[in-house]
N, C-alpha and C. Protein backbone atom coordinates (compact mmCIF):
# COMPACT_ATOMS: atom_id res chain seq x y z
N GLY A 1 0.81 -1.20 0.00
CA GLY A 1 0.00 0.00 0.00
C GLY A 1 0.84 1.25 0.00
N SER A 2 0.25 2.35 -0.45
CA SER A 2 0.98 3.62 -0.54
C SER A 2 0.93 4.41 0.76
N SER A 3 0.23 3.93 1.77
CA SER A 3 0.20 4.62 3.05
C SER A 3 0.12 3.58 4.16
N ASP A 4 0.46 4.00 5.37
CA ASP A 4 0.42 3.06 6.49
C ASP A 4 -1.00 2.79 6.96
N ILE A 5 -1.98 3.43 6.32
CA ILE A 5 -3.38 3.16 6.67
C ILE A 5 -3.81 1.81 6.08
N TRP A 6 -3.24 1.41 4.92
CA TRP A 6 -3.47 0.06 4.40
C TRP A 6 -2.73 -0.89 5.32
N MET A 7 -3.40 -1.88 5.85
CA MET A 7 -2.74 -2.81 6.76
C MET A 7 -3.41 -4.18 6.69
N MET A 8 -2.72 -5.18 7.17
CA MET A 8 -3.34 -6.48 7.32
C MET A 8 -4.31 -6.38 8.49
N ALA A 9 -5.52 -6.87 8.28
CA ALA A 9 -6.54 -6.81 9.32
C ALA A 9 -6.12 -7.66 10.51
N THR A 10 -6.57 -7.25 11.67
CA THR A 10 -6.35 -8.02 12.89
C THR A 10 -7.68 -8.64 13.32
N ALA A 11 -7.67 -9.36 14.41
CA ALA A 11 -8.90 -9.96 14.93
C ALA A 11 -9.91 -8.89 15.33
N ASN A 12 -9.44 -7.65 15.55
CA ASN A 12 -10.32 -6.56 15.97
C ASN A 12 -10.80 -5.70 14.81
N SER A 13 -10.33 -5.93 13.59
CA SER A 13 -10.67 -5.07 12.46
C SER A 13 -12.10 -5.29 12.00
N PRO A 14 -12.79 -4.22 11.61
CA PRO A 14 -12.37 -2.82 11.67
C PRO A 14 -12.34 -2.33 13.12
N ALA A 15 -11.44 -1.38 13.39
CA ALA A 15 -11.16 -1.05 14.78
C ALA A 15 -11.24 0.43 15.13
N GLY A 16 -11.85 1.24 14.29
CA GLY A 16 -11.96 2.66 14.59
C GLY A 16 -13.07 2.96 15.58
N ALA A 17 -13.16 4.22 15.98
CA ALA A 17 -14.14 4.64 16.98
C ALA A 17 -15.58 4.38 16.54
N TYR A 18 -15.85 4.50 15.23
CA TYR A 18 -17.20 4.33 14.74
C TYR A 18 -17.49 2.92 14.20
N SER A 19 -16.46 2.11 14.04
CA SER A 19 -16.67 0.81 13.41
C SER A 19 -16.21 -0.38 14.25
N SER A 20 -15.71 -0.14 15.44
CA SER A 20 -15.16 -1.25 16.24
C SER A 20 -16.21 -2.24 16.69
N ASN A 21 -17.49 -1.87 16.63
CA ASN A 21 -18.53 -2.80 17.03
C ASN A 21 -19.00 -3.68 15.87
N LEU A 22 -18.39 -3.53 14.69
CA LEU A 22 -18.78 -4.30 13.52
C LEU A 22 -18.03 -5.62 13.45
N ASP A 23 -18.63 -6.58 12.77
CA ASP A 23 -18.00 -7.89 12.59
C ASP A 23 -16.80 -7.76 11.66
N PRO A 24 -15.84 -8.67 11.79
CA PRO A 24 -14.74 -8.71 10.82
C PRO A 24 -15.25 -9.22 9.48
N MET A 25 -14.42 -9.11 8.46
CA MET A 25 -14.80 -9.57 7.13
C MET A 25 -15.03 -11.08 7.14
N GLU A 26 -16.03 -11.52 6.37
CA GLU A 26 -16.40 -12.93 6.32
C GLU A 26 -16.21 -13.52 4.93
N SER A 27 -15.17 -13.10 4.22
CA SER A 27 -14.88 -13.64 2.89
C SER A 27 -14.50 -15.12 3.00
N PRO A 28 -14.52 -15.85 1.87
CA PRO A 28 -14.22 -17.28 1.91
C PRO A 28 -12.87 -17.63 2.54
N SER A 29 -11.87 -16.79 2.39
CA SER A 29 -10.56 -17.10 2.96
C SER A 29 -10.11 -16.07 4.00
N ALA A 30 -11.05 -15.43 4.67
CA ALA A 30 -10.71 -14.40 5.66
C ALA A 30 -9.84 -14.95 6.79
N ASP A 31 -9.95 -16.24 7.06
CA ASP A 31 -9.16 -16.83 8.15
C ASP A 31 -7.66 -16.72 7.90
N ASN A 32 -7.23 -16.64 6.64
CA ASN A 32 -5.80 -16.54 6.38
C ASN A 32 -5.36 -15.08 6.16
N GLY A 33 -6.25 -14.14 6.46
CA GLY A 33 -5.90 -12.72 6.41
C GLY A 33 -6.63 -11.97 5.32
N TRP A 34 -6.82 -10.69 5.55
CA TRP A 34 -7.41 -9.77 4.58
C TRP A 34 -6.82 -8.40 4.84
N VAL A 35 -6.95 -7.52 3.88
CA VAL A 35 -6.34 -6.21 4.00
C VAL A 35 -7.43 -5.16 4.22
N ILE A 36 -7.10 -4.11 4.97
CA ILE A 36 -8.08 -3.08 5.29
C ILE A 36 -7.45 -1.70 5.20
N PHE A 37 -8.20 -0.77 4.64
CA PHE A 37 -7.87 0.66 4.71
C PHE A 37 -8.78 1.20 5.81
N ASP A 38 -8.25 1.28 7.02
CA ASP A 38 -9.06 1.65 8.18
C ASP A 38 -8.85 3.12 8.53
N ALA A 39 -9.47 3.99 7.73
CA ALA A 39 -9.36 5.43 7.96
C ALA A 39 -9.95 5.79 9.32
N ASP A 40 -10.96 5.07 9.75
CA ASP A 40 -11.57 5.31 11.06
C ASP A 40 -10.56 5.08 12.18
N LEU A 41 -9.84 3.98 12.13
CA LEU A 41 -8.80 3.70 13.13
C LEU A 41 -7.70 4.75 13.06
N TYR A 42 -7.29 5.11 11.86
CA TYR A 42 -6.22 6.09 11.66
C TYR A 42 -6.58 7.44 12.29
N GLN A 43 -7.85 7.84 12.23
CA GLN A 43 -8.27 9.14 12.76
C GLN A 43 -8.19 9.20 14.27
N GLY A 44 -8.23 8.08 14.95
CA GLY A 44 -7.97 8.04 16.38
C GLY A 44 -9.12 8.38 17.30
N GLY A 45 -10.31 8.46 16.80
CA GLY A 45 -11.43 8.71 17.71
C GLY A 45 -12.53 9.51 17.07
N PRO A 46 -13.57 9.82 17.84
CA PRO A 46 -14.71 10.55 17.29
C PRO A 46 -14.32 11.93 16.76
N ILE A 47 -15.12 12.42 15.84
CA ILE A 47 -14.90 13.75 15.28
C ILE A 47 -15.23 14.79 16.35
N THR A 48 -14.24 15.60 16.69
CA THR A 48 -14.41 16.69 17.66
C THR A 48 -13.61 17.88 17.17
N SER A 49 -13.66 18.96 17.91
CA SER A 49 -12.87 20.13 17.52
C SER A 49 -11.37 19.85 17.64
N THR A 50 -10.98 18.92 18.52
CA THR A 50 -9.56 18.58 18.65
C THR A 50 -9.16 17.42 17.74
N ASN A 51 -10.14 16.73 17.16
CA ASN A 51 -9.88 15.65 16.22
C ASN A 51 -10.77 15.87 14.99
N PRO A 52 -10.42 16.85 14.17
CA PRO A 52 -11.28 17.18 13.04
C PRO A 52 -11.19 16.14 11.93
N VAL A 53 -12.09 16.26 10.96
CA VAL A 53 -12.08 15.40 9.79
C VAL A 53 -10.81 15.64 9.00
N GLU A 54 -10.11 14.57 8.66
CA GLU A 54 -8.93 14.67 7.80
C GLU A 54 -9.13 13.70 6.64
N ASN A 55 -9.18 14.23 5.43
CA ASN A 55 -9.30 13.36 4.26
C ASN A 55 -8.01 12.59 4.08
N VAL A 56 -8.11 11.27 3.97
CA VAL A 56 -6.94 10.42 3.78
C VAL A 56 -7.12 9.60 2.52
N THR A 57 -6.05 9.44 1.78
CA THR A 57 -6.07 8.73 0.51
C THR A 57 -4.93 7.72 0.50
N GLY A 58 -5.16 6.58 -0.12
CA GLY A 58 -4.10 5.60 -0.26
C GLY A 58 -4.47 4.54 -1.28
N TRP A 59 -3.44 3.92 -1.87
CA TRP A 59 -3.66 2.90 -2.89
C TRP A 59 -2.95 1.62 -2.52
N LEU A 60 -3.53 0.52 -2.96
CA LEU A 60 -2.92 -0.80 -2.86
C LEU A 60 -2.72 -1.26 -4.30
N MET A 61 -1.48 -1.42 -4.74
CA MET A 61 -1.20 -1.62 -6.16
C MET A 61 -0.54 -2.97 -6.43
N THR A 62 -0.90 -3.55 -7.57
CA THR A 62 -0.28 -4.80 -8.02
C THR A 62 1.10 -4.51 -8.57
N PRO A 63 1.92 -5.54 -8.68
CA PRO A 63 3.14 -5.39 -9.49
C PRO A 63 2.71 -5.26 -10.96
N GLU A 64 3.67 -4.99 -11.82
CA GLU A 64 3.38 -4.89 -13.26
C GLU A 64 2.88 -6.24 -13.77
N LEU A 65 1.80 -6.21 -14.56
CA LEU A 65 1.20 -7.42 -15.11
C LEU A 65 1.26 -7.38 -16.63
N ASP A 66 1.60 -8.50 -17.24
CA ASP A 66 1.61 -8.62 -18.70
C ASP A 66 0.28 -9.22 -19.14
N MET A 67 -0.53 -8.41 -19.80
CA MET A 67 -1.83 -8.87 -20.28
C MET A 67 -1.89 -8.85 -21.80
N SER A 68 -0.72 -8.95 -22.43
CA SER A 68 -0.64 -8.84 -23.89
C SER A 68 -1.38 -9.97 -24.61
N SER A 69 -1.63 -11.07 -23.94
CA SER A 69 -2.34 -12.18 -24.58
C SER A 69 -3.79 -12.32 -24.09
N LEU A 70 -4.23 -11.39 -23.27
CA LEU A 70 -5.57 -11.47 -22.70
C LEU A 70 -6.52 -10.51 -23.42
N GLU A 71 -7.59 -11.05 -23.97
CA GLU A 71 -8.54 -10.22 -24.72
C GLU A 71 -9.68 -9.68 -23.87
N ASN A 72 -9.94 -10.31 -22.74
CA ASN A 72 -11.08 -9.94 -21.91
C ASN A 72 -10.64 -10.09 -20.46
N VAL A 73 -10.50 -8.98 -19.73
CA VAL A 73 -9.89 -9.01 -18.39
C VAL A 73 -10.88 -8.49 -17.34
N LYS A 74 -10.99 -9.26 -16.26
CA LYS A 74 -11.85 -8.86 -15.15
C LYS A 74 -11.08 -8.90 -13.84
N VAL A 75 -11.50 -8.04 -12.92
CA VAL A 75 -10.99 -8.03 -11.56
C VAL A 75 -12.13 -8.50 -10.67
N ASP A 76 -11.88 -9.55 -9.90
CA ASP A 76 -12.89 -10.15 -9.03
C ASP A 76 -12.35 -10.09 -7.61
N PHE A 77 -13.14 -9.59 -6.67
CA PHE A 77 -12.66 -9.49 -5.30
C PHE A 77 -13.84 -9.47 -4.33
N TYR A 78 -13.54 -9.79 -3.08
CA TYR A 78 -14.50 -9.65 -1.99
C TYR A 78 -14.15 -8.37 -1.25
N GLN A 79 -15.18 -7.65 -0.84
CA GLN A 79 -14.95 -6.42 -0.11
C GLN A 79 -15.98 -6.26 1.00
N TYR A 80 -15.66 -5.36 1.91
CA TYR A 80 -16.52 -5.05 3.04
C TYR A 80 -16.20 -3.62 3.39
N PHE A 81 -17.22 -2.75 3.40
CA PHE A 81 -16.93 -1.33 3.61
C PHE A 81 -18.08 -0.61 4.29
N ARG A 82 -17.75 0.55 4.80
CA ARG A 82 -18.74 1.46 5.36
C ARG A 82 -18.39 2.85 4.85
N TYR A 83 -19.37 3.52 4.29
CA TYR A 83 -19.18 4.92 3.95
C TYR A 83 -20.53 5.60 3.90
N CYS A 84 -20.50 6.89 3.74
CA CYS A 84 -21.73 7.68 3.88
C CYS A 84 -22.56 7.71 2.61
N CYS A 85 -23.34 8.70 2.48
CA CYS A 85 -24.49 8.71 1.58
C CYS A 85 -24.31 9.55 0.32
N ALA A 86 -23.17 10.08 0.06
CA ALA A 86 -22.99 10.89 -1.14
C ALA A 86 -22.97 10.01 -2.38
N GLN A 87 -23.30 10.59 -3.52
CA GLN A 87 -23.30 9.84 -4.78
C GLN A 87 -21.90 9.34 -5.12
N ALA A 88 -20.91 10.18 -4.96
CA ALA A 88 -19.54 9.78 -5.29
C ALA A 88 -18.99 8.90 -4.17
N SER A 89 -18.15 7.96 -4.54
CA SER A 89 -17.54 7.06 -3.58
C SER A 89 -16.02 7.19 -3.67
N PRO A 90 -15.33 7.11 -2.54
CA PRO A 90 -13.87 7.15 -2.58
C PRO A 90 -13.26 5.80 -2.97
N LEU A 91 -14.07 4.76 -3.12
CA LEU A 91 -13.56 3.41 -3.39
C LEU A 91 -13.45 3.21 -4.89
N THR A 92 -12.22 2.97 -5.36
CA THR A 92 -11.99 2.85 -6.80
C THR A 92 -11.08 1.67 -7.12
N VAL A 93 -11.25 1.14 -8.33
CA VAL A 93 -10.27 0.26 -8.95
C VAL A 93 -9.74 1.07 -10.12
N GLU A 94 -8.41 1.23 -10.18
CA GLU A 94 -7.79 2.08 -11.18
C GLU A 94 -6.78 1.27 -11.99
N VAL A 95 -6.71 1.56 -13.29
CA VAL A 95 -5.85 0.80 -14.20
C VAL A 95 -4.96 1.76 -14.98
N SER A 96 -3.67 1.43 -15.06
CA SER A 96 -2.72 2.21 -15.84
C SER A 96 -1.98 1.30 -16.81
N VAL A 97 -1.80 1.78 -18.03
CA VAL A 97 -1.02 1.04 -19.03
C VAL A 97 0.19 1.86 -19.49
N ASP A 98 0.50 2.93 -18.77
CA ASP A 98 1.65 3.77 -19.14
C ASP A 98 2.59 4.00 -17.95
N GLY A 99 2.74 2.97 -17.14
CA GLY A 99 3.69 3.05 -16.03
C GLY A 99 3.20 3.87 -14.85
N GLY A 100 1.92 4.16 -14.78
CA GLY A 100 1.37 4.91 -13.66
C GLY A 100 1.23 6.40 -13.89
N ASN A 101 1.49 6.85 -15.10
CA ASN A 101 1.33 8.29 -15.38
C ASN A 101 -0.13 8.69 -15.46
N ASN A 102 -0.96 7.82 -16.02
CA ASN A 102 -2.39 8.08 -16.17
C ASN A 102 -3.16 6.86 -15.68
N TRP A 103 -4.31 7.11 -15.07
CA TRP A 103 -5.12 6.04 -14.50
C TRP A 103 -6.55 6.16 -14.99
N THR A 104 -7.12 5.03 -15.41
CA THR A 104 -8.54 4.95 -15.72
C THR A 104 -9.23 4.47 -14.45
N VAL A 105 -10.25 5.20 -14.02
CA VAL A 105 -10.88 4.96 -12.72
C VAL A 105 -12.24 4.28 -12.90
N PHE A 106 -12.44 3.19 -12.16
CA PHE A 106 -13.70 2.47 -12.12
C PHE A 106 -14.25 2.55 -10.69
N ASN A 107 -15.55 2.77 -10.55
CA ASN A 107 -16.18 2.76 -9.23
C ASN A 107 -16.11 1.33 -8.70
N ALA A 108 -15.67 1.17 -7.47
CA ALA A 108 -15.47 -0.17 -6.91
C ALA A 108 -16.59 -0.63 -5.98
N THR A 109 -17.58 0.20 -5.72
CA THR A 109 -18.57 -0.20 -4.72
C THR A 109 -19.45 -1.35 -5.18
N GLY A 110 -19.70 -1.45 -6.48
CA GLY A 110 -20.50 -2.55 -6.97
C GLY A 110 -21.99 -2.40 -6.73
N ILE A 111 -22.37 -1.53 -5.82
CA ILE A 111 -23.78 -1.29 -5.51
C ILE A 111 -23.97 0.18 -5.19
N GLY A 112 -25.21 0.62 -5.19
CA GLY A 112 -25.49 2.00 -4.80
C GLY A 112 -25.87 2.06 -3.34
N ILE A 113 -25.19 2.89 -2.59
CA ILE A 113 -25.50 3.08 -1.17
C ILE A 113 -26.20 4.42 -1.07
N VAL A 114 -27.37 4.46 -0.49
CA VAL A 114 -28.12 5.70 -0.45
C VAL A 114 -28.37 6.22 0.95
N SER A 115 -28.24 5.40 1.96
CA SER A 115 -28.52 5.88 3.30
C SER A 115 -27.24 6.23 4.04
N ALA A 116 -27.37 7.08 5.02
CA ALA A 116 -26.20 7.55 5.77
C ALA A 116 -25.52 6.41 6.52
N ASN A 117 -24.21 6.40 6.45
CA ASN A 117 -23.37 5.45 7.19
C ASN A 117 -23.73 3.99 6.92
N SER A 118 -24.04 3.69 5.68
CA SER A 118 -24.40 2.33 5.31
C SER A 118 -23.19 1.40 5.31
N ILE A 119 -23.48 0.13 5.48
CA ILE A 119 -22.45 -0.90 5.47
C ILE A 119 -22.78 -1.87 4.35
N SER A 120 -21.78 -2.28 3.61
CA SER A 120 -21.99 -3.23 2.51
C SER A 120 -22.35 -4.60 3.06
N ALA A 121 -22.72 -5.48 2.16
CA ALA A 121 -22.86 -6.88 2.52
C ALA A 121 -21.50 -7.36 3.03
N ASN A 122 -21.49 -8.39 3.85
CA ASN A 122 -20.24 -8.91 4.39
C ASN A 122 -20.15 -10.41 4.13
N PRO A 123 -19.45 -10.79 3.06
CA PRO A 123 -18.70 -9.96 2.11
C PRO A 123 -19.56 -9.62 0.90
N LEU A 124 -19.10 -8.64 0.16
CA LEU A 124 -19.72 -8.27 -1.10
C LEU A 124 -18.77 -8.67 -2.22
N ASN A 125 -19.18 -9.67 -3.03
CA ASN A 125 -18.36 -10.09 -4.17
C ASN A 125 -18.59 -9.10 -5.31
N THR A 126 -17.50 -8.59 -5.87
CA THR A 126 -17.58 -7.57 -6.91
C THR A 126 -16.70 -7.99 -8.08
N VAL A 127 -17.22 -7.81 -9.30
CA VAL A 127 -16.47 -8.09 -10.52
C VAL A 127 -16.50 -6.84 -11.39
N ILE A 128 -15.33 -6.40 -11.82
CA ILE A 128 -15.23 -5.22 -12.67
C ILE A 128 -14.49 -5.61 -13.95
N ASP A 129 -15.10 -5.32 -15.08
CA ASP A 129 -14.49 -5.60 -16.38
C ASP A 129 -13.56 -4.44 -16.72
N ILE A 130 -12.26 -4.72 -16.80
CA ILE A 130 -11.27 -3.68 -17.11
C ILE A 130 -10.70 -3.86 -18.53
N SER A 131 -11.38 -4.66 -19.34
CA SER A 131 -10.91 -4.97 -20.69
C SER A 131 -10.67 -3.72 -21.54
N CYS A 132 -11.53 -2.72 -21.37
CA CYS A 132 -11.42 -1.53 -22.21
C CYS A 132 -10.08 -0.83 -22.05
N VAL A 133 -9.38 -1.09 -20.96
CA VAL A 133 -8.07 -0.49 -20.72
C VAL A 133 -6.95 -1.53 -20.78
N ALA A 134 -7.15 -2.66 -20.13
CA ALA A 134 -6.06 -3.61 -19.89
C ALA A 134 -5.86 -4.67 -20.97
N ALA A 135 -6.90 -5.00 -21.72
CA ALA A 135 -6.79 -6.09 -22.69
C ALA A 135 -5.69 -5.83 -23.71
N LEU A 136 -4.91 -6.88 -23.95
CA LEU A 136 -3.83 -6.89 -24.95
C LEU A 136 -2.71 -5.90 -24.66
N GLN A 137 -2.57 -5.48 -23.42
CA GLN A 137 -1.53 -4.53 -23.02
C GLN A 137 -0.38 -5.26 -22.34
N PRO A 138 0.86 -4.95 -22.70
CA PRO A 138 2.00 -5.65 -22.12
C PRO A 138 2.41 -5.18 -20.73
N SER A 139 1.99 -3.99 -20.33
CA SER A 139 2.38 -3.46 -19.03
C SER A 139 1.16 -2.82 -18.37
N VAL A 140 0.60 -3.52 -17.38
CA VAL A 140 -0.62 -3.07 -16.72
C VAL A 140 -0.39 -3.03 -15.21
N PHE A 141 -0.84 -1.95 -14.60
CA PHE A 141 -0.87 -1.84 -13.16
C PHE A 141 -2.33 -1.67 -12.75
N VAL A 142 -2.73 -2.38 -11.71
CA VAL A 142 -4.08 -2.26 -11.17
C VAL A 142 -3.91 -1.84 -9.71
N ARG A 143 -4.68 -0.84 -9.30
CA ARG A 143 -4.61 -0.43 -7.91
C ARG A 143 -6.02 -0.21 -7.35
N PHE A 144 -6.13 -0.49 -6.06
CA PHE A 144 -7.36 -0.25 -5.32
C PHE A 144 -7.14 1.04 -4.56
N GLY A 145 -8.01 2.02 -4.80
CA GLY A 145 -7.81 3.33 -4.21
C GLY A 145 -8.91 3.72 -3.24
N TYR A 146 -8.50 4.10 -2.05
CA TYR A 146 -9.39 4.84 -1.15
C TYR A 146 -9.04 6.28 -1.44
N ASN A 147 -9.81 6.87 -2.35
CA ASN A 147 -9.38 8.10 -3.01
C ASN A 147 -10.30 9.27 -2.64
N THR A 148 -9.94 10.00 -1.60
CA THR A 148 -10.75 11.14 -1.19
C THR A 148 -10.53 12.36 -2.09
N GLU A 149 -9.63 12.24 -3.06
CA GLU A 149 -9.52 13.30 -4.06
C GLU A 149 -10.74 13.26 -4.99
N ILE A 150 -11.34 12.08 -5.14
CA ILE A 150 -12.55 11.92 -5.95
C ILE A 150 -13.78 12.25 -5.11
N ALA A 151 -13.80 11.80 -3.87
CA ALA A 151 -14.93 12.02 -2.98
C ALA A 151 -14.41 12.31 -1.58
N ALA A 152 -14.54 13.54 -1.14
CA ALA A 152 -14.02 13.97 0.16
C ALA A 152 -15.00 13.64 1.28
N SER A 153 -14.57 13.90 2.50
CA SER A 153 -15.38 13.74 3.72
C SER A 153 -15.67 12.29 4.07
N TYR A 154 -14.74 11.40 3.79
CA TYR A 154 -14.86 10.01 4.18
C TYR A 154 -13.76 9.67 5.17
N SER A 155 -13.65 10.45 6.21
CA SER A 155 -12.53 10.34 7.13
C SER A 155 -12.66 9.18 8.12
N HIS A 156 -13.86 8.84 8.53
CA HIS A 156 -14.04 7.85 9.59
C HIS A 156 -14.78 6.62 9.09
N TYR A 157 -14.24 6.03 8.03
CA TYR A 157 -14.84 4.86 7.42
C TYR A 157 -13.76 3.81 7.16
N PHE A 158 -14.12 2.69 6.55
CA PHE A 158 -13.12 1.65 6.28
C PHE A 158 -13.48 0.92 4.99
N TRP A 159 -12.46 0.20 4.45
CA TRP A 159 -12.65 -0.63 3.26
C TRP A 159 -11.76 -1.86 3.38
N GLY A 160 -12.38 -3.03 3.44
CA GLY A 160 -11.64 -4.28 3.52
C GLY A 160 -11.69 -5.02 2.20
N LEU A 161 -10.59 -5.68 1.84
CA LEU A 161 -10.47 -6.44 0.58
C LEU A 161 -9.89 -7.82 0.86
N ASP A 162 -10.33 -8.79 0.06
CA ASP A 162 -9.78 -10.14 0.16
C ASP A 162 -10.03 -10.89 -1.15
N ASP A 163 -9.27 -11.93 -1.36
CA ASP A 163 -9.44 -12.85 -2.49
C ASP A 163 -9.49 -12.13 -3.83
N ILE A 164 -8.52 -11.28 -4.07
CA ILE A 164 -8.46 -10.53 -5.33
C ILE A 164 -7.95 -11.45 -6.43
N CYS A 165 -8.67 -11.48 -7.55
CA CYS A 165 -8.28 -12.31 -8.67
C CYS A 165 -8.44 -11.49 -9.96
N ILE A 166 -7.40 -11.46 -10.76
CA ILE A 166 -7.46 -10.79 -12.07
C ILE A 166 -7.30 -11.89 -13.11
N TYR A 167 -8.27 -12.00 -14.02
CA TYR A 167 -8.29 -13.15 -14.92
C TYR A 167 -8.91 -12.80 -16.27
N GLU A 168 -8.69 -13.71 -17.21
CA GLU A 168 -9.28 -13.57 -18.55
C GLU A 168 -10.55 -14.40 -18.61
N THR A 169 -11.56 -13.84 -19.25
CA THR A 169 -12.78 -14.59 -19.51
C THR A 169 -12.87 -14.84 -21.01
N ALA A 170 -13.67 -15.80 -21.37
CA ALA A 170 -13.82 -16.12 -22.79
C ALA A 170 -14.46 -14.95 -23.52
N VAL A 171 -14.00 -14.70 -24.74
CA VAL A 171 -14.61 -13.68 -25.57
C VAL A 171 -15.92 -14.23 -26.10
N GLU A 172 -16.99 -13.52 -25.86
CA GLU A 172 -18.29 -13.97 -26.31
C GLU A 172 -18.86 -12.96 -27.29
N ASN A 173 -19.22 -13.44 -28.45
CA ASN A 173 -19.85 -12.58 -29.44
C ASN A 173 -21.35 -12.77 -29.34
N ASP A 174 -22.05 -11.72 -29.00
CA ASP A 174 -23.48 -11.85 -28.83
C ASP A 174 -24.26 -11.23 -30.00
N LEU A 175 -23.53 -10.90 -31.04
CA LEU A 175 -24.14 -10.35 -32.23
C LEU A 175 -23.54 -11.06 -33.44
N GLU A 176 -24.38 -11.57 -34.30
CA GLU A 176 -23.91 -12.27 -35.48
C GLU A 176 -24.48 -11.57 -36.71
N ILE A 177 -23.63 -11.28 -37.66
CA ILE A 177 -24.06 -10.64 -38.90
C ILE A 177 -24.04 -11.67 -40.01
N THR A 178 -25.14 -11.78 -40.70
CA THR A 178 -25.25 -12.74 -41.81
C THR A 178 -25.58 -11.97 -43.07
N GLN A 179 -24.82 -12.25 -44.11
CA GLN A 179 -25.11 -11.59 -45.40
C GLN A 179 -26.22 -12.35 -46.08
N VAL A 180 -27.22 -11.64 -46.53
CA VAL A 180 -28.36 -12.27 -47.19
C VAL A 180 -28.41 -11.84 -48.64
């Protein structure tokens, strides 16, 4: 991860002032560990005049991946998160094919959250098709971003990830043209 807020979850995770009463992630392999961006824990306690909201951002990035032979690429992962009610979400999957100079951003929530301080399913399986950027590319980086530059005011929330898989799916043609 790009910040010390990304960490391996402990038996107490999530562990911030607003989320410590929540269950840990229940992904299929959570017993062998999962990763969490625990902004709530990082903030150190309830929002007060002495502990104001601080927007925090961080990424968890793959090593360079060669996808030059893959025509259809998906990212599949389990997640567990809590965030507020704004339309924009700080949770992103981002893809770069130019060494990290430019990133194509995909919303990672997988669902629409409309109520205040909502919590996702535990776990929420999410699949994102990144073919439009990554397919047939020899140098691909994929990163998971808790990105408050896209959506601010998410200081006391968390995002857990587990069982990340990046794979090729079969190319399916659902349109056939016949000359008559």
